[in-house]
Amino acid sequence: MELDNFQKEIAKRYKSFDKKSGPFFLMTVLAAEIGELADALKAERVESVKEELADSVFALVSIANIYDIDMSSAIEEKYLKRDMGEIHKNWTEPYLGKRLDEL
């Protein structure tokens, strides 16, 4: 399924609930899912990684739907219409900076 179709389906099914719950609630859900993803990655549990990625994308799309943000367009503008050097020049975290220099 394409991301834009997925986002529309999630909006149909969950947008009214998500609006009532609010973006901070969804951000809390996302943070929990990212923590679970980190645990799955650390343990190298591929099926759990798959599940937690899906949960994380769901939370992100739900937040985007609250603000009427088209995720496909946002991702395209941020990552596909710019080159890698332009994207990572603003990444200031020391570990990332060292890793990017190695790439």
Protein backbone atom coordinates (compact mmCIF):
# COMPACT_ATOMS: atom_id res chain seq x y z
CA MET A 1 0.00 0.00 0.00
CA GLU A 2 1.26 3.46 -0.88
CA LEU A 3 1.88 5.85 2.02
CA ASP A 4 -0.75 8.35 0.85
CA ASN A 5 -3.41 5.63 0.66
CA PHE A 6 -2.37 4.33 4.07
CA GLN A 7 -2.64 7.83 5.52
CA LYS A 8 -6.14 8.28 4.06
CA GLU A 9 -7.28 4.93 5.48
CA ILE A 10 -5.90 5.78 8.92
CA ALA A 11 -7.67 9.16 8.76
CA LYS A 12 -10.98 7.48 7.88
CA ARG A 13 -10.69 5.03 10.74
CA TYR A 14 -8.99 7.01 13.50
CA LYS A 15 -8.89 10.77 12.85
CA SER A 16 -11.85 11.69 15.05
CA PHE A 17 -10.45 9.60 17.93
CA ASP A 18 -6.96 11.00 17.35
CA LYS A 19 -8.25 14.58 17.41
CA LYS A 20 -10.00 13.89 20.73
CA SER A 21 -6.89 12.23 22.14
CA GLY A 22 -4.69 15.05 20.90
CA PRO A 23 -1.17 15.29 19.51
CA PHE A 24 0.54 15.10 22.91
CA PHE A 25 -1.14 11.74 23.59
CA LEU A 26 0.03 10.47 20.20
CA MET A 27 3.52 11.79 20.87
CA THR A 28 3.53 9.79 24.10
CA VAL A 29 2.43 6.70 22.16
CA LEU A 30 5.16 7.35 19.58
CA ALA A 31 7.81 7.70 22.29
CA ALA A 32 6.72 4.38 23.82
CA GLU A 33 6.80 2.69 20.41
CA ILE A 34 10.27 4.06 19.68
CA GLY A 35 11.44 2.65 23.02
CA GLU A 36 9.97 -0.73 22.10
CA LEU A 37 11.67 -0.48 18.69
CA ALA A 38 15.01 0.21 20.39
CA ASP A 39 14.55 -2.88 22.57
CA ALA A 40 13.68 -5.02 19.53
CA LEU A 41 16.70 -3.71 17.60
CA LYS A 42 19.02 -4.34 20.52
CA ALA A 43 17.74 -7.92 20.86
CA GLU A 44 17.76 -8.37 17.07
CA ARG A 45 14.16 -9.64 17.09
CA VAL A 46 13.21 -9.03 13.46
CA GLU A 47 9.48 -9.74 13.87
CA SER A 48 9.33 -7.31 16.80
CA VAL A 49 11.25 -4.70 14.77
CA LYS A 50 8.67 -5.08 12.01
CA GLU A 51 5.78 -4.64 14.48
CA GLU A 52 7.32 -1.63 16.23
CA LEU A 53 8.11 0.08 12.93
CA ALA A 54 4.46 -0.33 11.95
CA ASP A 55 3.32 1.06 15.30
CA SER A 56 5.68 4.03 14.96
CA VAL A 57 4.52 4.85 11.43
CA PHE A 58 0.91 4.59 12.60
CA ALA A 59 1.57 7.12 15.38
CA LEU A 60 3.41 9.48 13.02
CA VAL A 61 0.66 9.33 10.42
CA SER A 62 -1.97 9.93 13.09
CA ILE A 63 -0.14 13.06 14.23
CA ALA A 64 0.13 14.22 10.61
CA ASN A 65 -3.60 13.68 10.14
CA ILE A 66 -4.45 15.92 13.09
CA TYR A 67 -2.55 18.75 11.38
CA ASP A 68 -3.67 17.84 7.83
CA ILE A 69 -0.07 17.22 6.77
CA ASP A 70 0.45 15.04 3.71
CA MET A 71 3.24 12.69 4.81
CA SER A 72 4.18 11.65 1.27
CA SER A 73 4.70 15.27 0.25
CA ALA A 74 6.56 16.12 3.46
CA ILE A 75 8.95 13.18 3.02
CA GLU A 76 9.47 13.92 -0.66
CA GLU A 77 10.26 17.60 0.02
CA LYS A 78 12.61 16.81 2.90
CA TYR A 79 14.46 13.75 1.60
CA LEU A 80 13.95 13.23 -2.13
CA LYS A 81 14.27 16.77 -3.46
CA ARG A 82 17.54 17.45 -1.62
CA ASP A 83 20.90 15.73 -1.77
CA MET A 84 22.38 13.87 1.17
CA GLY A 85 24.95 16.56 1.88
CA GLU A 86 22.24 19.17 2.22
CA ILE A 87 20.19 16.91 4.48
CA HIS A 88 22.88 15.86 6.91
CA LYS A 89 24.77 19.16 7.19
CA ASN A 90 22.39 20.19 10.00
CA TRP A 91 22.79 16.96 11.96
CA THR A 92 24.91 18.08 14.89
CA GLU A 93 24.80 15.01 17.12
CA PRO A 94 28.47 14.01 17.54
CA TYR A 95 28.01 10.28 16.87
CA LEU A 96 26.04 10.93 13.69
CA GLY A 97 28.57 13.46 12.50
CA LYS A 98 31.41 10.96 12.89
CA ARG A 99 29.46 8.20 11.18
CA LEU A 100 28.47 10.44 8.27
CA ASP A 101 32.07 11.45 7.70
CA GLU A 102 32.92 7.75 7.36
CA LEU A 103 30.24 7.15 4.74
